[in-house]
């Protein structure tokens, strides 16, 4: 396998790890301890979403070597972006407080980088070895179907990635890691498609990290809000990324599938889903100027046609999964 391009092949690749936190002081030690024990050394920056549980004082006392950056409000996954001006390392690893890496995780991830690889995502599992959702089948409807870690037995090109390691030059080119408009959900789809838009491949590889069940999100946000973020961000990504001819070609399918999902929600009496989906569509209609401006910036960066960006879209797999639900 071709090695990743470096400044000096004899030097160890430099990595900074960003850990996002929101009122989770009680479990941040696990991820930090695993990073400190890593065989491939990494600088650590904790990006705090305005926590009120004393995490800053806890870090100063127990992890003085960790850099701390605080947002004055909860801005979701955009908190990772706060660290970008302070990063000089070649690669950025993004993690959360509910994750732990293994000793050789970072070193193993680098084995999958080639000169045309931009982002490498990992698969999730519990400490007991149970599989977890780790990737998705991507659809041009901008919905996707889940794939579990036990299905990921080899490196696969994917259209979007979750927690991953990426080239710093890519983040610097965009000026952000995750879109500051998204808050949460489908920001990984947006990242993966942006990376492919400028000509880099995005991979999901069979390197496992431990992942606990997310709890804070469920405590803070309603089911309706979660559906809203997922739908809104997927629609905005569609309108930003696609070539103009494909926006017009695919828009009946993209919005038609939203109607199908709303009808399904009516039949299943999931009214919170209906409200979330409708609110997302209203957002897109009322914020078209902002979306247009984001689109213009991204399209000027484009080096690859949609045939490359979306070549992994699998409508058959998505529709099969949809019918089986």
Protein backbone atom coordinates (compact mmCIF):
# COMPACT_ATOMS: atom_id res chain seq x y z
CA UNK A 1 0.00 0.00 0.00
CA UNK A 2 1.33 3.43 -0.95
CA UNK A 3 2.32 5.43 2.10
CA UNK A 4 0.83 8.77 2.99
CA UNK A 5 2.74 11.80 1.74
CA UNK A 6 4.74 13.50 4.48
CA UNK A 7 7.17 16.38 4.78
CA UNK A 8 9.89 13.95 5.74
CA UNK A 9 9.38 10.21 5.50
CA UNK A 10 11.61 9.70 8.53
CA UNK A 11 9.53 11.94 10.76
CA UNK A 12 6.48 10.72 12.64
CA UNK A 13 3.28 12.17 11.29
CA UNK A 14 1.99 14.90 13.57
CA UNK A 15 -1.56 14.60 14.91
CA UNK A 16 -3.79 16.75 17.05
CA UNK A 17 -6.88 15.17 18.61
CA UNK A 18 -9.96 17.28 19.22
CA UNK A 19 -12.38 16.07 21.89
CA UNK A 20 -15.78 17.75 22.04
CA UNK A 21 -17.56 17.95 25.40
CA UNK A 22 -20.86 19.23 26.73
CA UNK A 23 -21.52 18.64 30.44
CA UNK A 24 -19.82 15.24 30.43
CA UNK A 25 -17.06 15.69 32.97
CA UNK A 26 -18.05 12.34 34.46
CA UNK A 27 -16.77 10.37 31.47
CA UNK A 28 -14.14 12.50 29.72
CA UNK A 29 -11.30 10.69 31.54
CA UNK A 30 -11.76 7.53 29.45
CA UNK A 31 -11.09 9.15 26.11
CA UNK A 32 -8.23 11.28 27.43
CA UNK A 33 -6.51 8.35 29.12
CA UNK A 34 -6.74 6.31 25.93
CA UNK A 35 -5.16 9.13 23.94
CA UNK A 36 -2.35 9.59 26.44
CA UNK A 37 -1.57 5.87 26.18
CA UNK A 38 -1.53 5.91 22.39
CA UNK A 39 1.63 4.54 20.77
CA UNK A 40 1.43 7.39 18.27
CA UNK A 41 1.67 10.60 20.27
CA UNK A 42 -0.95 13.26 19.77
CA UNK A 43 -1.56 16.72 21.13
CA UNK A 44 -5.02 16.97 22.72
CA UNK A 45 -7.44 19.89 22.61
CA UNK A 46 -10.78 19.75 24.43
CA UNK A 47 -13.47 21.85 22.75
CA UNK A 48 -16.13 22.73 25.31
CA UNK A 49 -19.69 23.65 24.34
CA UNK A 50 -20.35 25.99 27.28
CA UNK A 51 -20.47 23.23 29.90
CA UNK A 52 -21.63 24.13 33.41
CA UNK A 53 -20.50 20.98 35.23
CA UNK A 54 -16.98 22.13 36.11
CA UNK A 55 -15.17 20.30 33.31
CA UNK A 56 -12.67 23.15 32.90
CA UNK A 57 -11.57 22.96 36.54
CA UNK A 58 -11.45 19.17 36.32
CA UNK A 59 -9.14 19.29 33.32
CA UNK A 60 -6.83 21.88 34.89
CA UNK A 61 -6.47 19.67 37.95
CA UNK A 62 -6.20 16.20 36.40
CA UNK A 63 -5.04 16.82 32.82
CA UNK A 64 -2.90 19.98 32.81
CA UNK A 65 -1.21 18.87 29.57
CA UNK A 66 -4.52 19.10 27.68
CA UNK A 67 -5.34 22.36 25.92
CA UNK A 68 -8.84 23.71 26.63
CA UNK A 69 -11.01 25.91 24.42
CA UNK A 70 -14.46 27.05 25.46
CA UNK A 71 -17.41 28.30 23.47
CA UNK A 72 -19.69 30.78 25.22
CA UNK A 73 -22.73 28.90 23.93
CA UNK A 74 -23.56 25.40 22.77
CA UNK A 75 -22.81 25.41 19.04
CA UNK A 76 -22.88 21.65 18.51
CA UNK A 77 -20.21 19.98 16.39
CA UNK A 78 -19.05 23.39 15.18
CA UNK A 79 -17.15 23.52 18.49
CA UNK A 80 -14.41 21.47 16.79
CA UNK A 81 -13.80 24.48 14.55
CA UNK A 82 -12.71 26.60 17.53
CA UNK A 83 -9.40 24.74 17.57
CA UNK A 84 -8.57 25.19 13.90
CA UNK A 85 -6.58 28.46 14.24
CA UNK A 86 -4.31 26.75 16.79
CA UNK A 87 -3.50 23.65 14.73
CA UNK A 88 -0.16 23.21 12.99
CA UNK A 89 -0.12 19.41 12.95
CA UNK A 90 -0.52 17.54 9.66
CA UNK A 91 -3.61 15.58 10.73
CA UNK A 92 -6.72 16.13 12.86
CA UNK A 93 -8.46 13.32 14.76
CA UNK A 94 -11.98 14.11 15.99
CA UNK A 95 -13.43 12.27 18.98
CA UNK A 96 -16.10 12.70 21.63
CA UNK A 97 -16.25 11.93 25.34
CA UNK A 98 -18.14 8.67 24.74
CA UNK A 99 -15.24 7.17 22.77
CA UNK A 100 -11.92 5.48 23.47
CA UNK A 101 -9.16 4.54 21.08
CA UNK A 102 -6.89 1.52 21.34
CA UNK A 103 -3.14 1.83 21.79
CA UNK A 104 -2.33 1.41 18.10
CA UNK A 105 -5.44 3.00 16.60
CA UNK A 106 -3.76 6.11 15.20
CA UNK A 107 -0.82 4.19 13.75
CA UNK A 108 -3.18 1.70 12.14
CA UNK A 109 -5.30 4.45 10.60
CA UNK A 110 -2.29 5.90 8.80
CA UNK A 111 -1.77 2.62 6.96
CA UNK A 112 -4.88 3.40 4.93
CA UNK A 113 -3.79 6.85 3.78
CA UNK A 114 -2.61 7.32 0.22
CA UNK A 115 -1.75 10.59 -1.46
CA UNK A 116 -5.34 10.95 -2.71
CA UNK A 117 -6.97 10.03 0.62
CA UNK A 118 -8.46 12.95 2.54
CA UNK A 119 -10.37 11.40 5.43
CA UNK A 120 -10.35 7.99 7.10
CA UNK A 121 -13.26 7.03 9.34
CA UNK A 122 -13.35 4.26 11.95
CA UNK A 123 -15.87 1.65 12.93
CA UNK A 124 -17.55 1.62 16.35
CA UNK A 125 -18.04 -1.21 18.80
CA UNK A 126 -18.78 -1.55 22.50
CA UNK A 127 -16.09 -2.65 24.92
CA UNK A 128 -17.86 -5.99 25.03
CA UNK A 129 -17.36 -6.32 21.27
CA UNK A 130 -20.95 -5.75 20.22
CA UNK A 131 -21.32 -4.09 16.79
CA UNK A 132 -22.59 -0.54 16.49
CA UNK A 133 -23.70 1.67 13.61
CA UNK A 134 -20.48 2.68 11.88
CA UNK A 135 -21.29 3.76 8.33
CA UNK A 136 -24.14 4.20 5.91
CA UNK A 137 -25.38 3.24 2.48
CA UNK A 138 -25.70 6.59 0.78
CA UNK A 139 -28.68 7.53 -1.42
CA UNK A 140 -29.19 10.40 -3.85
CA UNK A 141 -32.35 11.09 -1.88
CA UNK A 142 -29.88 12.30 0.77
CA UNK A 143 -31.21 9.66 3.09
CA UNK A 144 -28.98 6.76 4.03
CA UNK A 145 -29.25 3.31 5.56
CA UNK A 146 -27.16 2.17 8.49
CA UNK A 147 -24.34 -0.33 8.34
CA UNK A 148 -22.97 -1.99 11.45
CA UNK A 149 -19.33 -2.49 12.34
CA UNK A 150 -19.47 -6.26 11.80
CA UNK A 151 -20.35 -5.56 8.16
CA UNK A 152 -17.20 -3.48 7.62
CA UNK A 153 -14.51 -6.10 7.09
CA UNK A 154 -12.34 -4.13 4.67
CA UNK A 155 -11.60 -0.55 3.73
CA UNK A 156 -14.47 0.97 1.77
CA UNK A 157 -14.92 4.27 0.02
CA UNK A 158 -17.88 6.03 1.62
CA UNK A 159 -19.72 9.23 0.86
CA UNK A 160 -19.73 10.46 4.41
CA UNK A 161 -17.72 9.82 7.55
CA UNK A 162 -18.25 10.31 11.25
CA UNK A 163 -15.41 10.57 13.73
CA UNK A 164 -12.29 10.33 11.66
CA UNK A 165 -8.75 11.44 10.98
CA UNK A 166 -8.31 14.01 8.22
CA UNK A 167 -5.68 16.15 6.60
CA UNK A 168 -5.37 19.55 8.25
CA UNK A 169 -4.86 21.17 4.85
CA UNK A 170 -8.40 20.16 3.90
CA UNK A 171 -9.95 21.72 7.00
CA UNK A 172 -7.88 24.87 6.48
CA UNK A 173 -9.00 25.08 2.85
CA UNK A 174 -12.66 25.16 3.88
CA UNK A 175 -12.02 27.22 7.00
CA UNK A 176 -13.90 24.73 9.17
CA UNK A 177 -14.13 21.03 9.95
CA UNK A 178 -17.89 20.68 10.40
CA UNK A 179 -20.26 23.23 8.92
CA UNK A 180 -20.99 25.93 11.53
CA UNK A 181 -24.62 26.15 10.37
CA UNK A 182 -25.52 22.53 11.15
CA UNK A 183 -25.30 22.13 14.94
CA UNK A 184 -25.51 18.35 14.66
CA UNK A 185 -26.61 15.43 12.44
CA UNK A 186 -25.51 14.85 8.85
CA UNK A 187 -22.53 17.13 9.38
CA UNK A 188 -20.48 14.02 8.57
CA UNK A 189 -22.32 13.67 5.26
CA UNK A 190 -21.52 17.29 4.47
CA UNK A 191 -17.85 16.80 5.41
CA UNK A 192 -17.41 13.69 3.29
CA UNK A 193 -19.05 15.20 0.23
CA UNK A 194 -17.04 18.43 0.54
CA UNK A 195 -13.82 16.42 0.73
CA UNK A 196 -14.79 14.46 -2.38
CA UNK A 197 -15.81 17.69 -4.13
CA UNK A 198 -12.20 18.91 -3.98
CA UNK A 199 -10.81 15.61 -5.22
CA UNK A 200 -9.94 13.48 -2.19
CA UNK A 201 -11.24 10.02 -1.36
CA UNK A 202 -13.06 9.29 1.88
CA UNK A 203 -12.70 5.88 3.51
CA UNK A 204 -14.26 3.83 6.27
CA UNK A 205 -11.80 1.21 7.53
CA UNK A 206 -11.96 -1.86 9.83
CA UNK A 207 -10.14 -0.16 12.70
CA UNK A 208 -12.38 -0.22 15.76
CA UNK A 209 -12.73 2.29 18.55
CA UNK A 210 -14.91 1.91 21.61
CA UNK A 211 -18.14 3.88 21.63
CA UNK A 212 -20.61 4.22 24.48
CA UNK A 213 -24.28 4.98 23.97
CA UNK A 214 -24.87 8.69 23.45
CA UNK A 215 -26.83 10.10 26.37
CA UNK A 216 -26.40 13.86 26.46
CA UNK A 217 -28.07 14.43 23.09
CA UNK A 218 -31.21 12.62 24.20
CA UNK A 219 -31.34 14.64 27.40
CA UNK A 220 -31.00 18.00 25.70
CA UNK A 221 -32.92 17.64 22.43
CA UNK A 222 -36.42 16.35 21.69
CA UNK A 223 -37.07 13.67 19.05
CA UNK A 224 -38.68 16.33 16.90
CA UNK A 225 -35.56 18.50 17.06
CA UNK A 226 -33.32 15.59 16.16
CA UNK A 227 -35.43 14.81 13.08
CA UNK A 228 -35.40 18.50 12.18
CA UNK A 229 -31.60 18.76 12.29
CA UNK A 230 -31.14 15.55 10.29
CA UNK A 231 -33.61 16.61 7.59
CA UNK A 232 -32.55 20.25 7.40
CA UNK A 233 -28.85 19.48 7.13
CA UNK A 234 -29.36 16.78 4.50
CA UNK A 235 -31.42 19.13 2.33
CA UNK A 236 -28.95 21.99 2.69
CA UNK A 237 -26.08 19.65 1.78
CA UNK A 238 -27.94 18.53 -1.33
CA UNK A 239 -28.46 22.11 -2.47
CA UNK A 240 -24.85 23.13 -1.72
CA UNK A 241 -22.94 20.21 -3.18
CA UNK A 242 -24.65 19.12 -6.39
CA UNK A 243 -23.87 20.57 -9.78
CA UNK A 244 -26.68 22.86 -10.95
CA UNK A 245 -27.94 20.41 -13.57
CA UNK A 246 -28.17 17.68 -10.94
CA UNK A 247 -29.99 19.89 -8.45
CA UNK A 248 -32.78 20.28 -11.00
CA UNK A 249 -32.65 16.62 -12.04
CA UNK A 250 -32.72 15.15 -8.52
CA UNK A 251 -34.89 17.67 -6.67
CA UNK A 252 -38.20 15.84 -7.41
CA UNK A 253 -36.70 12.63 -5.98
CA UNK A 254 -35.15 14.32 -2.94
CA UNK A 255 -38.29 16.17 -1.92
CA UNK A 256 -40.55 13.35 -3.10
CA UNK A 257 -38.86 11.01 -0.64
CA UNK A 258 -39.62 13.55 2.12
CA UNK A 259 -43.30 13.30 1.21
CA UNK A 260 -43.06 9.51 1.32
CA UNK A 261 -41.50 9.72 4.80
CA UNK A 262 -44.19 12.12 6.02
CA UNK A 263 -46.93 9.77 4.79
CA UNK A 264 -45.16 6.90 6.54
CA UNK A 265 -45.03 8.96 9.74
CA UNK A 266 -48.77 9.64 9.51
CA UNK A 267 -49.49 5.93 9.18
CA UNK A 268 -47.26 5.17 12.16
CA UNK A 269 -48.63 8.12 14.18
CA UNK A 270 -45.14 9.60 14.61
CA UNK A 271 -46.30 13.20 14.64
CA UNK A 272 -43.04 14.56 16.06
CA UNK A 273 -41.32 13.28 12.90
CA UNK A 274 -43.84 15.08 10.71
CA UNK A 275 -43.27 18.39 12.49
CA UNK A 276 -39.49 18.00 12.26
CA UNK A 277 -39.57 17.22 8.52
CA UNK A 278 -41.93 20.07 7.68
CA UNK A 279 -39.89 22.55 9.76
CA UNK A 280 -36.78 21.49 7.86
CA UNK A 281 -38.40 22.16 4.50
CA UNK A 282 -39.63 25.55 5.72
CA UNK A 283 -36.09 26.39 6.86
CA UNK A 284 -34.67 25.62 3.42
CA UNK A 285 -37.28 27.78 1.70
CA UNK A 286 -36.78 30.73 4.05
CA UNK A 287 -32.96 30.57 4.11
CA UNK A 288 -32.32 30.13 0.41
CA UNK A 289 -30.04 33.18 0.18
CA UNK A 290 -27.71 31.86 2.89
CA UNK A 291 -27.67 28.42 1.25
CA UNK A 292 -26.95 30.02 -2.13
CA UNK A 293 -23.95 31.86 -0.67
CA UNK A 294 -22.53 28.67 0.88
CA UNK A 295 -23.11 26.88 -2.41
CA UNK A 296 -21.26 29.54 -4.40
CA UNK A 297 -18.17 29.21 -2.21
CA UNK A 298 -18.10 25.42 -2.45
CA UNK A 299 -18.72 25.29 -6.18
CA UNK A 300 -15.74 27.58 -6.74
CA UNK A 301 -13.59 24.99 -4.93
CA UNK A 302 -14.87 22.07 -7.02
CA UNK A 303 -12.26 19.93 -8.78
CA UNK A 304 -14.40 16.82 -9.37
CA UNK A 305 -17.69 16.25 -11.12
CA UNK A 306 -20.71 14.79 -9.34
CA UNK A 307 -19.87 11.46 -10.95
CA UNK A 308 -16.93 11.23 -8.53
CA UNK A 309 -18.57 12.93 -5.56
CA UNK A 310 -21.62 10.66 -5.61
CA UNK A 311 -20.24 7.56 -7.32
CA UNK A 312 -20.97 5.45 -4.25
CA UNK A 313 -24.66 6.33 -4.07
CA UNK A 314 -26.69 3.12 -3.92
CA UNK A 315 -30.38 3.63 -4.57
CA UNK A 316 -31.14 -0.09 -4.72
CA UNK A 317 -29.75 -0.74 -1.25
CA UNK A 318 -31.51 2.32 0.19
CA UNK A 319 -34.90 1.45 -1.29
CA UNK A 320 -34.56 -2.17 -0.21
CA UNK A 321 -33.88 -1.05 3.36
CA UNK A 322 -36.74 1.45 3.19
CA UNK A 323 -39.28 -1.16 2.09
CA UNK A 324 -38.15 -3.60 4.78
CA UNK A 325 -38.70 -1.08 7.61
